[in-house]
């Protein structure tokens, strides 16, 4: 998956925003991450992405995995046919980081882009 110029500008904007957000403001991020579940103590984010088939799910994991590794903020995730369950932080007793918040935002964009690319191929 290649990211166009528009996608790159979104990534830069999200990276800048995420670096400016304190963890005390996590509840306010609900407006930025409306499809994610935020734990009551604001220490954990969860979401399950659903795709049309296993190839889309695999493309998502491969794309996001590269970005997560590059930014050193991998999530806990599980892939099951056409769905990918994500949890930040990956282990209990860890704090949620700004990088993980940024990656969650990126995942939303990547998931939508992968679904759009597949529907255009049909």
PDB file of N, CA and C in Angstrom:
ATOM      1  N   UNK A   1       0.847  -1.170   0.000  1.00  0.00           N
ATOM      2  CA  UNK A   1       0.000   0.000   0.000  1.00  0.00           C
ATOM      3  C   UNK A   1       0.896   1.237   0.000  1.00  0.00           C
ATOM      4  N   UNK A   2       0.682   2.108  -0.955  1.00  0.00           N
ATOM      5  CA  UNK A   2       1.408   3.368  -0.987  1.00  0.00           C
ATOM      6  C   UNK A   2       0.514   4.459  -0.414  1.00  0.00           C
ATOM      7  N   UNK A   3       1.130   5.392   0.271  1.00  0.00           N
ATOM      8  CA  UNK A   3       0.388   6.489   0.879  1.00  0.00           C
ATOM      9  C   UNK A   3       0.576   7.718  -0.001  1.00  0.00           C
ATOM     10  N   UNK A   4      -0.530   8.321  -0.423  1.00  0.00           N
ATOM     11  CA  UNK A   4      -0.453   9.502  -1.276  1.00  0.00           C
ATOM     12  C   UNK A   4      -0.083  10.737  -0.460  1.00  0.00           C
ATOM     13  N   UNK A   5       0.074  11.874  -1.147  1.00  0.00           N
ATOM     14  CA  UNK A   5       0.480  13.113  -0.488  1.00  0.00           C
ATOM     15  C   UNK A   5      -0.509  13.523   0.597  1.00  0.00           C
ATOM     16  N   UNK A   6      -1.810  13.343   0.338  1.00  0.00           N
ATOM     17  CA  UNK A   6      -2.839  13.668   1.332  1.00  0.00           C
ATOM     18  C   UNK A   6      -2.644  12.818   2.583  1.00  0.00           C
ATOM     19  N   UNK A   7      -2.381  11.539   2.393  1.00  0.00           N
ATOM     20  CA  UNK A   7      -2.155  10.646   3.521  1.00  0.00           C
ATOM     21  C   UNK A   7      -0.930  11.044   4.325  1.00  0.00           C
ATOM     22  N   UNK A   8       0.129  11.463   3.623  1.00  0.00           N
ATOM     23  CA  UNK A   8       1.333  11.901   4.323  1.00  0.00           C
ATOM     24  C   UNK A   8       1.073  13.146   5.163  1.00  0.00           C
ATOM     25  N   UNK A   9       0.262  14.070   4.647  1.00  0.00           N
ATOM     26  CA  UNK A   9      -0.033  15.271   5.430  1.00  0.00           C
ATOM     27  C   UNK A   9      -0.863  14.932   6.663  1.00  0.00           C
ATOM     28  N   UNK A  10      -1.771  13.966   6.545  1.00  0.00           N
ATOM     29  CA  UNK A  10      -2.552  13.522   7.710  1.00  0.00           C
ATOM     30  C   UNK A  10      -1.619  12.901   8.749  1.00  0.00           C
ATOM     31  N   UNK A  11      -0.689  12.078   8.293  1.00  0.00           N
ATOM     32  CA  UNK A  11       0.251  11.433   9.210  1.00  0.00           C
ATOM     33  C   UNK A  11       1.079  12.480   9.946  1.00  0.00           C
ATOM     34  N   UNK A  12       1.576  13.487   9.229  1.00  0.00           N
ATOM     35  CA  UNK A  12       2.363  14.542   9.868  1.00  0.00           C
ATOM     36  C   UNK A  12       1.531  15.302  10.894  1.00  0.00           C
ATOM     37  N   UNK A  13       0.278  15.605  10.539  1.00  0.00           N
ATOM     38  CA  UNK A  13      -0.593  16.329  11.458  1.00  0.00           C
ATOM     39  C   UNK A  13      -0.872  15.496  12.707  1.00  0.00           C
ATOM     40  N   UNK A  14      -1.171  14.222  12.533  1.00  0.00           N
ATOM     41  CA  UNK A  14      -1.456  13.361  13.679  1.00  0.00           C
ATOM     42  C   UNK A  14      -0.228  13.181  14.557  1.00  0.00           C
ATOM     43  N   UNK A  15       0.929  13.046  13.933  1.00  0.00           N
ATOM     44  CA  UNK A  15       2.170  12.887  14.709  1.00  0.00           C
ATOM     45  C   UNK A  15       2.414  14.131  15.551  1.00  0.00           C
ATOM     46  N   UNK A  16       2.213  15.316  14.958  1.00  0.00           N
ATOM     47  CA  UNK A  16       2.394  16.568  15.692  1.00  0.00           C
ATOM     48  C   UNK A  16       1.386  16.667  16.834  1.00  0.00           C
ATOM     49  N   UNK A  17       0.117  16.318  16.557  1.00  0.00           N
ATOM     50  CA  UNK A  17      -0.920  16.386  17.576  1.00  0.00           C
ATOM     51  C   UNK A  17      -0.622  15.424  18.713  1.00  0.00           C
ATOM     52  N   UNK A  18      -0.275  14.179  18.368  1.00  0.00           N
ATOM     53  CA  UNK A  18      -0.043  13.165  19.393  1.00  0.00           C
ATOM     54  C   UNK A  18       1.140  13.529  20.278  1.00  0.00           C
ATOM     55  N   UNK A  19       2.137  14.185  19.720  1.00  0.00           N
ATOM     56  CA  UNK A  19       3.291  14.541  20.538  1.00  0.00           C
ATOM     57  C   UNK A  19       2.962  15.668  21.507  1.00  0.00           C
ATOM     58  N   UNK A  20       1.867  16.390  21.258  1.00  0.00           N
ATOM     59  CA  UNK A  20       1.499  17.502  22.115  1.00  0.00           C
ATOM     60  C   UNK A  20       0.471  17.125  23.173  1.00  0.00           C
ATOM     61  N   UNK A  21      -0.076  15.928  23.100  1.00  0.00           N
ATOM     62  CA  UNK A  21      -1.141  15.509  24.000  1.00  0.00           C
ATOM     63  C   UNK A  21      -0.557  14.879  25.254  1.00  0.00           C
ATOM     64  N   UNK A  22      -0.979  15.346  26.403  1.00  0.00           N
ATOM     65  CA  UNK A  22      -0.554  14.715  27.648  1.00  0.00           C
ATOM     66  C   UNK A  22      -1.492  13.548  27.938  1.00  0.00           C
ATOM     67  N   UNK A  23      -0.999  12.598  28.672  1.00  0.00           N
ATOM     68  CA  UNK A  23      -1.829  11.438  28.993  1.00  0.00           C
ATOM     69  C   UNK A  23      -3.011  11.821  29.879  1.00  0.00           C
ATOM     70  N   UNK A  24      -2.901  12.934  30.592  1.00  0.00           N
ATOM     71  CA  UNK A  24      -4.025  13.407  31.402  1.00  0.00           C
ATOM     72  C   UNK A  24      -5.199  13.842  30.542  1.00  0.00           C
ATOM     73  N   UNK A  25      -4.960  14.096  29.273  1.00  0.00           N
ATOM     74  CA  UNK A  25      -6.014  14.539  28.360  1.00  0.00           C
ATOM     75  C   UNK A  25      -6.578  13.394  27.528  1.00  0.00           C
ATOM     76  N   UNK A  26      -6.308  12.162  27.925  1.00  0.00           N
ATOM     77  CA  UNK A  26      -6.718  11.019  27.123  1.00  0.00           C
ATOM     78  C   UNK A  26      -8.217  10.964  26.880  1.00  0.00           C
ATOM     79  N   UNK A  27      -9.019  11.305  27.872  1.00  0.00           N
ATOM     80  CA  UNK A  27     -10.469  11.272  27.685  1.00  0.00           C
ATOM     81  C   UNK A  27     -10.903  12.219  26.566  1.00  0.00           C
ATOM     82  N   UNK A  28     -10.203  13.319  26.432  1.00  0.00           N
ATOM     83  CA  UNK A  28     -10.510  14.253  25.356  1.00  0.00           C
ATOM     84  C   UNK A  28     -10.196  13.660  23.985  1.00  0.00           C
ATOM     85  N   UNK A  29      -9.342  12.652  23.942  1.00  0.00           N
ATOM     86  CA  UNK A  29      -9.010  12.011  22.681  1.00  0.00           C
ATOM     87  C   UNK A  29     -10.171  11.196  22.124  1.00  0.00           C
ATOM     88  N   UNK A  30     -11.182  10.982  22.922  1.00  0.00           N
ATOM     89  CA  UNK A  30     -12.349  10.225  22.451  1.00  0.00           C
ATOM     90  C   UNK A  30     -12.927  10.875  21.195  1.00  0.00           C
ATOM     91  N   UNK A  31     -12.810  12.207  21.098  1.00  0.00           N
ATOM     92  CA  UNK A  31     -13.291  12.877  19.895  1.00  0.00           C
ATOM     93  C   UNK A  31     -12.389  12.588  18.701  1.00  0.00           C
ATOM     94  N   UNK A  32     -11.089  12.383  18.937  1.00  0.00           N
ATOM     95  CA  UNK A  32     -10.161  12.035  17.867  1.00  0.00           C
ATOM     96  C   UNK A  32     -10.268  10.559  17.507  1.00  0.00           C
ATOM     97  N   UNK A  33     -10.544   9.730  18.501  1.00  0.00           N
ATOM     98  CA  UNK A  33     -10.611   8.277  18.312  1.00  0.00           C
ATOM     99  C   UNK A  33     -12.002   7.757  18.698  1.00  0.00           C
ATOM    100  N   UNK A  34     -13.051   8.215  18.020  1.00  0.00           N
ATOM    101  CA  UNK A  34     -14.408   7.870  18.455  1.00  0.00           C
ATOM    102  C   UNK A  34     -14.749   6.384  18.358  1.00  0.00           C
ATOM    103  N   UNK A  35     -14.056   5.650  17.498  1.00  0.00           N
ATOM    104  CA  UNK A  35     -14.378   4.236  17.341  1.00  0.00           C
ATOM    105  C   UNK A  35     -13.570   3.329  18.269  1.00  0.00           C
ATOM    106  N   UNK A  36     -12.724   3.910  19.100  1.00  0.00           N
ATOM    107  CA  UNK A  36     -11.921   3.143  20.044  1.00  0.00           C
ATOM    108  C   UNK A  36     -12.587   3.143  21.407  1.00  0.00           C
ATOM    109  N   UNK A  37     -12.430   2.045  22.138  1.00  0.00           N
ATOM    110  CA  UNK A  37     -12.912   1.978  23.513  1.00  0.00           C
ATOM    111  C   UNK A  37     -11.798   2.443  24.439  1.00  0.00           C
ATOM    112  N   UNK A  38     -12.135   3.354  25.337  1.00  0.00           N
ATOM    113  CA  UNK A  38     -11.182   3.872  26.313  1.00  0.00           C
ATOM    114  C   UNK A  38     -11.573   3.309  27.669  1.00  0.00           C
ATOM    115  N   UNK A  39     -10.615   2.730  28.393  1.00  0.00           N
ATOM    116  CA  UNK A  39     -10.922   2.167  29.713  1.00  0.00           C
ATOM    117  C   UNK A  39     -11.333   3.276  30.676  1.00  0.00           C
ATOM    118  N   UNK A  40     -12.009   2.890  31.758  1.00  0.00           N
ATOM    119  CA  UNK A  40     -12.512   3.859  32.735  1.00  0.00           C
ATOM    120  C   UNK A  40     -11.408   4.709  33.349  1.00  0.00           C
ATOM    121  N   UNK A  41     -10.225   4.120  33.522  1.00  0.00           N
ATOM    122  CA  UNK A  41      -9.131   4.893  34.101  1.00  0.00           C
ATOM    123  C   UNK A  41      -8.239   5.530  33.026  1.00  0.00           C
ATOM    124  N   UNK A  42      -8.690   5.480  31.775  1.00  0.00           N
ATOM    125  CA  UNK A  42      -7.985   6.099  30.642  1.00  0.00           C
ATOM    126  C   UNK A  42      -6.586   5.540  30.422  1.00  0.00           C
ATOM    127  N   UNK A  43      -6.378   4.288  30.776  1.00  0.00           N
ATOM    128  CA  UNK A  43      -5.051   3.702  30.630  1.00  0.00           C
ATOM    129  C   UNK A  43      -4.958   2.725  29.457  1.00  0.00           C
ATOM    130  N   UNK A  44      -6.083   2.476  28.771  1.00  0.00           N
ATOM    131  CA  UNK A  44      -6.083   1.453  27.734  1.00  0.00           C
ATOM    132  C   UNK A  44      -7.027   1.824  26.600  1.00  0.00           C
ATOM    133  N   UNK A  45      -6.581   1.531  25.368  1.00  0.00           N
ATOM    134  CA  UNK A  45      -7.401   1.687  24.173  1.00  0.00           C
ATOM    135  C   UNK A  45      -7.600   0.319  23.547  1.00  0.00           C
ATOM    136  N   UNK A  46      -8.826   0.054  23.050  1.00  0.00           N
ATOM    137  CA  UNK A  46      -9.130  -1.220  22.371  1.00  0.00           C
ATOM    138  C   UNK A  46     -10.005  -0.957  21.159  1.00  0.00           C
ATOM    139  N   UNK A  47      -9.781  -1.768  20.124  1.00  0.00           N
ATOM    140  CA  UNK A  47     -10.647  -1.703  18.947  1.00  0.00           C
ATOM    141  C   UNK A  47     -10.491  -2.989  18.158  1.00  0.00           C
ATOM    142  N   UNK A  48     -11.570  -3.423  17.527  1.00  0.00           N
ATOM    143  CA  UNK A  48     -11.518  -4.525  16.582  1.00  0.00           C
ATOM    144  C   UNK A  48     -11.875  -3.980  15.212  1.00  0.00           C
ATOM    145  N   UNK A  49     -10.982  -4.197  14.268  1.00  0.00           N
ATOM    146  CA  UNK A  49     -11.194  -3.791  12.880  1.00  0.00           C
ATOM    147  C   UNK A  49     -11.779  -4.975  12.123  1.00  0.00           C
ATOM    148  N   UNK A  50     -12.809  -4.729  11.323  1.00  0.00           N
ATOM    149  CA  UNK A  50     -13.436  -5.777  10.525  1.00  0.00           C
ATOM    150  C   UNK A  50     -13.220  -5.468   9.044  1.00  0.00           C
ATOM    151  N   UNK A  51     -12.818  -6.481   8.309  1.00  0.00           N
ATOM    152  CA  UNK A  51     -12.535  -6.336   6.884  1.00  0.00           C
ATOM    153  C   UNK A  51     -13.417  -7.283   6.087  1.00  0.00           C
ATOM    154  N   UNK A  52     -13.427  -7.102   4.771  1.00  0.00           N
ATOM    155  CA  UNK A  52     -14.271  -7.922   3.904  1.00  0.00           C
ATOM    156  C   UNK A  52     -13.746  -9.341   3.728  1.00  0.00           C
ATOM    157  N   UNK A  53     -12.443  -9.533   3.932  1.00  0.00           N
ATOM    158  CA  UNK A  53     -11.860 -10.862   3.768  1.00  0.00           C
ATOM    159  C   UNK A  53     -10.522 -10.929   4.511  1.00  0.00           C
ATOM    160  N   UNK A  54      -9.935 -12.107   4.526  1.00  0.00           N
ATOM    161  CA  UNK A  54      -8.687 -12.288   5.273  1.00  0.00           C
ATOM    162  C   UNK A  54      -7.519 -11.559   4.618  1.00  0.00           C
ATOM    163  N   UNK A  55      -7.531 -11.384   3.301  1.00  0.00           N
ATOM    164  CA  UNK A  55      -6.449 -10.667   2.634  1.00  0.00           C
ATOM    165  C   UNK A  55      -6.403  -9.209   3.073  1.00  0.00           C
ATOM    166  N   UNK A  56      -7.561  -8.561   3.186  1.00  0.00           N
ATOM    167  CA  UNK A  56      -7.600  -7.183   3.682  1.00  0.00           C
ATOM    168  C   UNK A  56      -7.065  -7.102   5.109  1.00  0.00           C
ATOM    169  N   UNK A  57      -7.472  -8.050   5.947  1.00  0.00           N
ATOM    170  CA  UNK A  57      -6.998  -8.059   7.339  1.00  0.00           C
ATOM    171  C   UNK A  57      -5.485  -8.234   7.380  1.00  0.00           C
ATOM    172  N   UNK A  58      -4.965  -9.121   6.551  1.00  0.00           N
ATOM    173  CA  UNK A  58      -3.526  -9.355   6.523  1.00  0.00           C
ATOM    174  C   UNK A  58      -2.788  -8.109   6.007  1.00  0.00           C
ATOM    175  N   UNK A  59      -3.321  -7.455   4.973  1.00  0.00           N
ATOM    176  CA  UNK A  59      -2.717  -6.226   4.449  1.00  0.00           C
ATOM    177  C   UNK A  59      -2.650  -5.150   5.540  1.00  0.00           C
ATOM    178  N   UNK A  60      -3.704  -5.064   6.329  1.00  0.00           N
ATOM    179  CA  UNK A  60      -3.747  -4.097   7.427  1.00  0.00           C
ATOM    180  C   UNK A  60      -2.646  -4.380   8.449  1.00  0.00           C
ATOM    181  N   UNK A  61      -2.546  -5.644   8.875  1.00  0.00           N
ATOM    182  CA  UNK A  61      -1.534  -6.027   9.869  1.00  0.00           C
ATOM    183  C   UNK A  61      -0.130  -5.773   9.326  1.00  0.00           C
ATOM    184  N   UNK A  62       0.091  -6.102   8.067  1.00  0.00           N
ATOM    185  CA  UNK A  62       1.412  -5.911   7.472  1.00  0.00           C
ATOM    186  C   UNK A  62       1.770  -4.425   7.396  1.00  0.00           C
ATOM    187  N   UNK A  63       0.838  -3.604   6.946  1.00  0.00           N
ATOM    188  CA  UNK A  63       1.077  -2.163   6.819  1.00  0.00           C
ATOM    189  C   UNK A  63       1.288  -1.515   8.175  1.00  0.00           C
ATOM    190  N   UNK A  64       0.384  -1.760   9.097  1.00  0.00           N
ATOM    191  CA  UNK A  64       0.456  -1.133  10.418  1.00  0.00           C
ATOM    192  C   UNK A  64       1.637  -1.684  11.217  1.00  0.00           C
ATOM    193  N   UNK A  65       1.940  -2.952  11.028  1.00  0.00           N
ATOM    194  CA  UNK A  65       3.074  -3.553  11.729  1.00  0.00           C
ATOM    195  C   UNK A  65       4.383  -2.871  11.394  1.00  0.00           C
ATOM    196  N   UNK A  66       4.560  -2.493  10.133  1.00  0.00           N
ATOM    197  CA  UNK A  66       5.783  -1.799   9.732  1.00  0.00           C
ATOM    198  C   UNK A  66       5.892  -0.438  10.420  1.00  0.00           C
ATOM    199  N   UNK A  67       4.784   0.281  10.478  1.00  0.00           N
ATOM    200  CA  UNK A  67       4.777   1.603  11.116  1.00  0.00           C
ATOM    201  C   UNK A  67       4.990   1.458  12.624  1.00  0.00           C
ATOM    202  N   UNK A  68       4.344   0.462  13.229  1.00  0.00           N
ATOM    203  CA  UNK A  68       4.493   0.236  14.676  1.00  0.00           C
ATOM    204  C   UNK A  68       5.936  -0.108  15.026  1.00  0.00           C
ATOM    205  N   UNK A  69       6.562  -0.947  14.218  1.00  0.00           N
ATOM    206  CA  UNK A  69       7.951  -1.321  14.476  1.00  0.00           C
ATOM    207  C   UNK A  69       8.876  -0.120  14.315  1.00  0.00           C
ATOM    208  N   UNK A  70       8.631   0.665  13.283  1.00  0.00           N
ATOM    209  CA  UNK A  70       9.463   1.845  13.036  1.00  0.00           C
ATOM    210  C   UNK A  70       9.361   2.842  14.195  1.00  0.00           C
ATOM    211  N   UNK A  71       8.166   2.991  14.751  1.00  0.00           N
ATOM    212  CA  UNK A  71       7.940   3.941  15.836  1.00  0.00           C
ATOM    213  C   UNK A  71       8.082   3.306  17.216  1.00  0.00           C
ATOM    214  N   UNK A  72       8.451   2.041  17.282  1.00  0.00           N
ATOM    215  CA  UNK A  72       8.675   1.305  18.522  1.00  0.00           C
ATOM    216  C   UNK A  72       7.495   1.388  19.492  1.00  0.00           C
ATOM    217  N   UNK A  73       6.288   1.189  18.960  1.00  0.00           N
ATOM    218  CA  UNK A  73       5.104   1.185  19.831  1.00  0.00           C
ATOM    219  C   UNK A  73       4.104   0.115  19.362  1.00  0.00           C
ATOM    220  N   UNK A  74       4.551  -1.160  19.323  1.00  0.00           N
ATOM    221  CA  UNK A  74       3.651  -2.201  18.849  1.00  0.00           C
ATOM    222  C   UNK A  74       2.494  -2.449  19.813  1.00  0.00           C
ATOM    223  N   UNK A  75       1.330  -2.764  19.261  1.00  0.00           N
ATOM    224  CA  UNK A  75       0.177  -3.100  20.099  1.00  0.00           C
ATOM    225  C   UNK A  75       0.156  -4.592  20.395  1.00  0.00           C
ATOM    226  N   UNK A  76      -0.781  -4.992  21.225  1.00  0.00           N
ATOM    227  CA  UNK A  76      -1.133  -6.410  21.336  1.00  0.00           C
ATOM    228  C   UNK A  76      -2.239  -6.583  20.307  1.00  0.00           C
ATOM    229  N   UNK A  77      -2.130  -7.589  19.462  1.00  0.00           N
ATOM    230  CA  UNK A  77      -3.181  -7.778  18.474  1.00  0.00           C
ATOM    231  C   UNK A  77      -3.365  -9.243  18.146  1.00  0.00           C
ATOM    232  N   UNK A  78      -4.559  -9.541  17.660  1.00  0.00           N
ATOM    233  CA  UNK A  78      -4.837 -10.896  17.208  1.00  0.00           C
ATOM    234  C   UNK A  78      -5.590 -10.810  15.887  1.00  0.00           C
ATOM    235  N   UNK A  79      -5.203 -11.664  14.976  1.00  0.00           N
ATOM    236  CA  UNK A  79      -5.789 -11.719  13.635  1.00  0.00           C
ATOM    237  C   UNK A  79      -6.625 -12.977  13.537  1.00  0.00           C
ATOM    238  N   UNK A  80      -7.877 -12.825  13.155  1.00  0.00           N
ATOM    239  CA  UNK A  80      -8.768 -13.971  13.012  1.00  0.00           C
ATOM    240  C   UNK A  80      -9.615 -13.779  11.764  1.00  0.00           C
ATOM    241  N   UNK A  81      -9.298 -14.489  10.714  1.00  0.00           N
ATOM    242  CA  UNK A  81      -9.952 -14.411   9.408  1.00  0.00           C
ATOM    243  C   UNK A  81     -10.054 -12.972   8.928  1.00  0.00           C
ATOM    244  N   UNK A  82     -11.188 -12.321   9.121  1.00  0.00           N
ATOM    245  CA  UNK A  82     -11.372 -10.976   8.578  1.00  0.00           C
ATOM    246  C   UNK A  82     -11.398  -9.897   9.661  1.00  0.00           C
ATOM    247  N   UNK A  83     -10.888 -10.188  10.846  1.00  0.00           N
ATOM    248  CA  UNK A  83     -10.882  -9.182  11.907  1.00  0.00           C
ATOM    249  C   UNK A  83      -9.514  -9.127  12.597  1.00  0.00           C
ATOM    250  N   UNK A  84      -9.213  -7.926  13.100  1.00  0.00           N
ATOM    251  CA  UNK A  84      -7.967  -7.707  13.826  1.00  0.00           C
ATOM    252  C   UNK A  84      -8.324  -6.967  15.116  1.00  0.00           C
ATOM    253  N   UNK A  85      -8.072  -7.596  16.258  1.00  0.00           N
ATOM    254  CA  UNK A  85      -8.322  -6.977  17.562  1.00  0.00           C
ATOM    255  C   UNK A  85      -7.028  -6.331  18.044  1.00  0.00           C
ATOM    256  N   UNK A  86      -7.132  -5.065  18.467  1.00  0.00           N
ATOM    257  CA  UNK A  86      -5.973  -4.274  18.883  1.00  0.00           C
ATOM    258  C   UNK A  86      -6.152  -3.828  20.328  1.00  0.00           C
ATOM    259  N   UNK A  87      -5.055  -3.808  21.072  1.00  0.00           N
ATOM    260  CA  UNK A  87      -5.070  -3.283  22.442  1.00  0.00           C
ATOM    261  C   UNK A  87      -3.782  -2.500  22.685  1.00  0.00           C
ATOM    262  N   UNK A  88      -3.940  -1.308  23.211  1.00  0.00           N
ATOM    263  CA  UNK A  88      -2.813  -0.488  23.668  1.00  0.00           C
ATOM    264  C   UNK A  88      -3.008  -0.206  25.137  1.00  0.00           C
ATOM    265  N   UNK A  89      -2.025  -0.211  25.990  1.00  0.00           N
ATOM    266  CA  UNK A  89      -0.695  -0.747  25.747  1.00  0.00           C
ATOM    267  C   UNK A  89      -0.752  -2.268  25.658  1.00  0.00           C
ATOM    268  N   UNK A  90       0.295  -2.878  25.106  1.00  0.00           N
ATOM    269  CA  UNK A  90       0.257  -4.318  24.877  1.00  0.00           C
ATOM    270  C   UNK A  90       0.292  -5.183  26.124  1.00  0.00           C
ATOM    271  N   UNK A  91       0.799  -4.664  27.239  1.00  0.00           N
ATOM    272  CA  UNK A  91       0.881  -5.445  28.469  1.00  0.00           C
ATOM    273  C   UNK A  91       0.255  -4.675  29.619  1.00  0.00           C
ATOM    274  N   UNK A  92      -0.269  -5.404  30.582  1.00  0.00           N
ATOM    275  CA  UNK A  92      -0.824  -4.727  31.757  1.00  0.00           C
ATOM    276  C   UNK A  92       0.300  -4.049  32.535  1.00  0.00           C
ATOM    277  N   UNK A  93      -0.061  -3.086  33.319  1.00  0.00           N
ATOM    278  CA  UNK A  93       0.871  -2.319  34.151  1.00  0.00           C
ATOM    279  C   UNK A  93       1.839  -1.482  33.322  1.00  0.00           C
ATOM    280  N   UNK A  94       1.492  -1.187  32.084  1.00  0.00           N
ATOM    281  CA  UNK A  94       2.251  -0.244  31.278  1.00  0.00           C
ATOM    282  C   UNK A  94       1.375   0.969  31.071  1.00  0.00           C
ATOM    283  N   UNK A  95       1.996   2.102  30.848  1.00  0.00           N
ATOM    284  CA  UNK A  95       1.232   3.311  30.576  1.00  0.00           C
ATOM    285  C   UNK A  95       1.045   3.474  29.083  1.00  0.00           C
ATOM    286  N   UNK A  96      -0.078   4.034  28.711  1.00  0.00           N
ATOM    287  CA  UNK A  96      -0.347   4.366  27.328  1.00  0.00           C
ATOM    288  C   UNK A  96       0.543   5.530  26.928  1.00  0.00           C
ATOM    289  N   UNK A  97       1.188   5.427  25.768  1.00  0.00           N
ATOM    290  CA  UNK A  97       2.100   6.476  25.324  1.00  0.00           C
ATOM    291  C   UNK A  97       1.476   7.322  24.223  1.00  0.00           C
ATOM    292  N   UNK A  98       2.036   8.494  24.011  1.00  0.00           N
ATOM    293  CA  UNK A  98       1.580   9.352  22.924  1.00  0.00           C
ATOM    294  C   UNK A  98       1.792   8.683  21.573  1.00  0.00           C
ATOM    295  N   UNK A  99       2.872   7.918  21.435  1.00  0.00           N
ATOM    296  CA  UNK A  99       3.123   7.197  20.192  1.00  0.00           C
ATOM    297  C   UNK A  99       2.035   6.173  19.906  1.00  0.00           C
ATOM    298  N   UNK A 100       1.529   5.515  20.932  1.00  0.00           N
ATOM    299  CA  UNK A 100       0.457   4.544  20.750  1.00  0.00           C
ATOM    300  C   UNK A 100      -0.846   5.243  20.360  1.00  0.00           C
ATOM    301  N   UNK A 101      -1.082   6.419  20.933  1.00  0.00           N
ATOM    302  CA  UNK A 101      -2.259   7.195  20.564  1.00  0.00           C
ATOM    303  C   UNK A 101      -2.163   7.596  19.093  1.00  0.00           C
ATOM    304  N   UNK A 102      -0.984   8.039  18.683  1.00  0.00           N
ATOM    305  CA  UNK A 102      -0.777   8.400  17.285  1.00  0.00           C
ATOM    306  C   UNK A 102      -1.003   7.185  16.386  1.00  0.00           C
ATOM    307  N   UNK A 103      -0.465   6.023  16.777  1.00  0.00           N
ATOM    308  CA  UNK A 103      -0.606   4.812  15.973  1.00  0.00           C
ATOM    309  C   UNK A 103      -2.072   4.394  15.871  1.00  0.00           C
ATOM    310  N   UNK A 104      -2.850   4.557  16.925  1.00  0.00           N
ATOM    311  CA  UNK A 104      -4.282   4.249  16.871  1.00  0.00           C
ATOM    312  C   UNK A 104      -4.967   5.118  15.813  1.00  0.00           C
ATOM    313  N   UNK A 105      -4.615   6.388  15.757  1.00  0.00           N
ATOM    314  CA  UNK A 105      -5.167   7.285  14.742  1.00  0.00           C
ATOM    315  C   UNK A 105      -4.755   6.834  13.353  1.00  0.00           C
ATOM    316  N   UNK A 106      -3.493   6.453  13.214  1.00  0.00           N
ATOM    317  CA  UNK A 106      -2.997   5.966  11.931  1.00  0.00           C
ATOM    318  C   UNK A 106      -3.746   4.696  11.504  1.00  0.00           C
ATOM    319  N   UNK A 107      -4.005   3.808  12.464  1.00  0.00           N
ATOM    320  CA  UNK A 107      -4.712   2.567  12.153  1.00  0.00           C
ATOM    321  C   UNK A 107      -6.101   2.839  11.585  1.00  0.00           C
ATOM    322  N   UNK A 108      -6.800   3.821  12.141  1.00  0.00           N
ATOM    323  CA  UNK A 108      -8.117   4.173  11.614  1.00  0.00           C
ATOM    324  C   UNK A 108      -8.020   4.565  10.148  1.00  0.00           C
ATOM    325  N   UNK A 109      -7.044   5.388   9.815  1.00  0.00           N
ATOM    326  CA  UNK A 109      -6.862   5.844   8.431  1.00  0.00           C
ATOM    327  C   UNK A 109      -6.433   4.687   7.530  1.00  0.00           C
ATOM    328  N   UNK A 110      -5.513   3.865   8.004  1.00  0.00           N
ATOM    329  CA  UNK A 110      -5.026   2.736   7.208  1.00  0.00           C
ATOM    330  C   UNK A 110      -6.140   1.720   6.951  1.00  0.00           C
ATOM    331  N   UNK A 111      -6.939   1.430   7.977  1.00  0.00           N
ATOM    332  CA  UNK A 111      -8.044   0.485   7.802  1.00  0.00           C
ATOM    333  C   UNK A 111      -9.040   0.961   6.759  1.00  0.00           C
ATOM    334  N   UNK A 112      -9.392   2.235   6.810  1.00  0.00           N
ATOM    335  CA  UNK A 112     -10.324   2.798   5.830  1.00  0.00           C
ATOM    336  C   UNK A 112      -9.709   2.781   4.435  1.00  0.00           C
ATOM    337  N   UNK A 113      -8.420   3.069   4.336  1.00  0.00           N
ATOM    338  CA  UNK A 113      -7.740   3.095   3.041  1.00  0.00           C
ATOM    339  C   UNK A 113      -7.682   1.697   2.424  1.00  0.00           C
ATOM    340  N   UNK A 114      -7.388   0.692   3.224  1.00  0.00           N
ATOM    341  CA  UNK A 114      -7.314  -0.681   2.718  1.00  0.00           C
ATOM    342  C   UNK A 114      -8.672  -1.135   2.213  1.00  0.00           C
ATOM    343  N   UNK A 115      -9.719  -0.846   2.950  1.00  0.00           N
ATOM    344  CA  UNK A 115     -11.071  -1.211   2.504  1.00  0.00           C
ATOM    345  C   UNK A 115     -11.423  -0.485   1.218  1.00  0.00           C
ATOM    346  N   UNK A 116     -11.050   0.780   1.097  1.00  0.00           N
ATOM    347  CA  UNK A 116     -11.340   1.567  -0.099  1.00  0.00           C
ATOM    348  C   UNK A 116     -10.589   1.003  -1.299  1.00  0.00           C
ATOM    349  N   UNK A 117      -9.307   0.659  -1.128  1.00  0.00           N
ATOM    350  CA  UNK A 117      -8.516   0.097  -2.227  1.00  0.00           C
ATOM    351  C   UNK A 117      -9.124  -1.203  -2.731  1.00  0.00           C
ATOM    352  N   UNK A 118      -9.593  -2.059  -1.835  1.00  0.00           N
ATOM    353  CA  UNK A 118     -10.183  -3.331  -2.229  1.00  0.00           C
ATOM    354  C   UNK A 118     -11.502  -3.125  -2.975  1.00  0.00           C
ATOM    355  N   UNK A 119     -12.311  -2.158  -2.524  1.00  0.00           N
ATOM    356  CA  UNK A 119     -13.594  -1.938  -3.203  1.00  0.00           C
ATOM    357  C   UNK A 119     -13.386  -1.345  -4.583  1.00  0.00           C
ATOM    358  N   UNK A 120     -12.307  -0.591  -4.794  1.00  0.00           N
ATOM    359  CA  UNK A 120     -12.019  -0.032  -6.107  1.00  0.00           C
ATOM    360  C   UNK A 120     -11.507  -1.092  -7.054  1.00  0.00           C
ATOM    361  N   UNK A 121     -10.905  -2.167  -6.523  1.00  0.00           N
ATOM    362  CA  UNK A 121     -10.384  -3.234  -7.348  1.00  0.00           C
ATOM    363  C   UNK A 121     -11.484  -4.120  -7.928  1.00  0.00           C
ATOM    364  N   UNK A 122     -12.661  -4.120  -7.295  1.00  0.00           N
ATOM    365  CA  UNK A 122     -13.764  -4.973  -7.761  1.00  0.00           C
ATOM    366  C   UNK A 122     -14.374  -4.474  -9.046  1.00  0.00           C
TER     367      UNK A 122
END
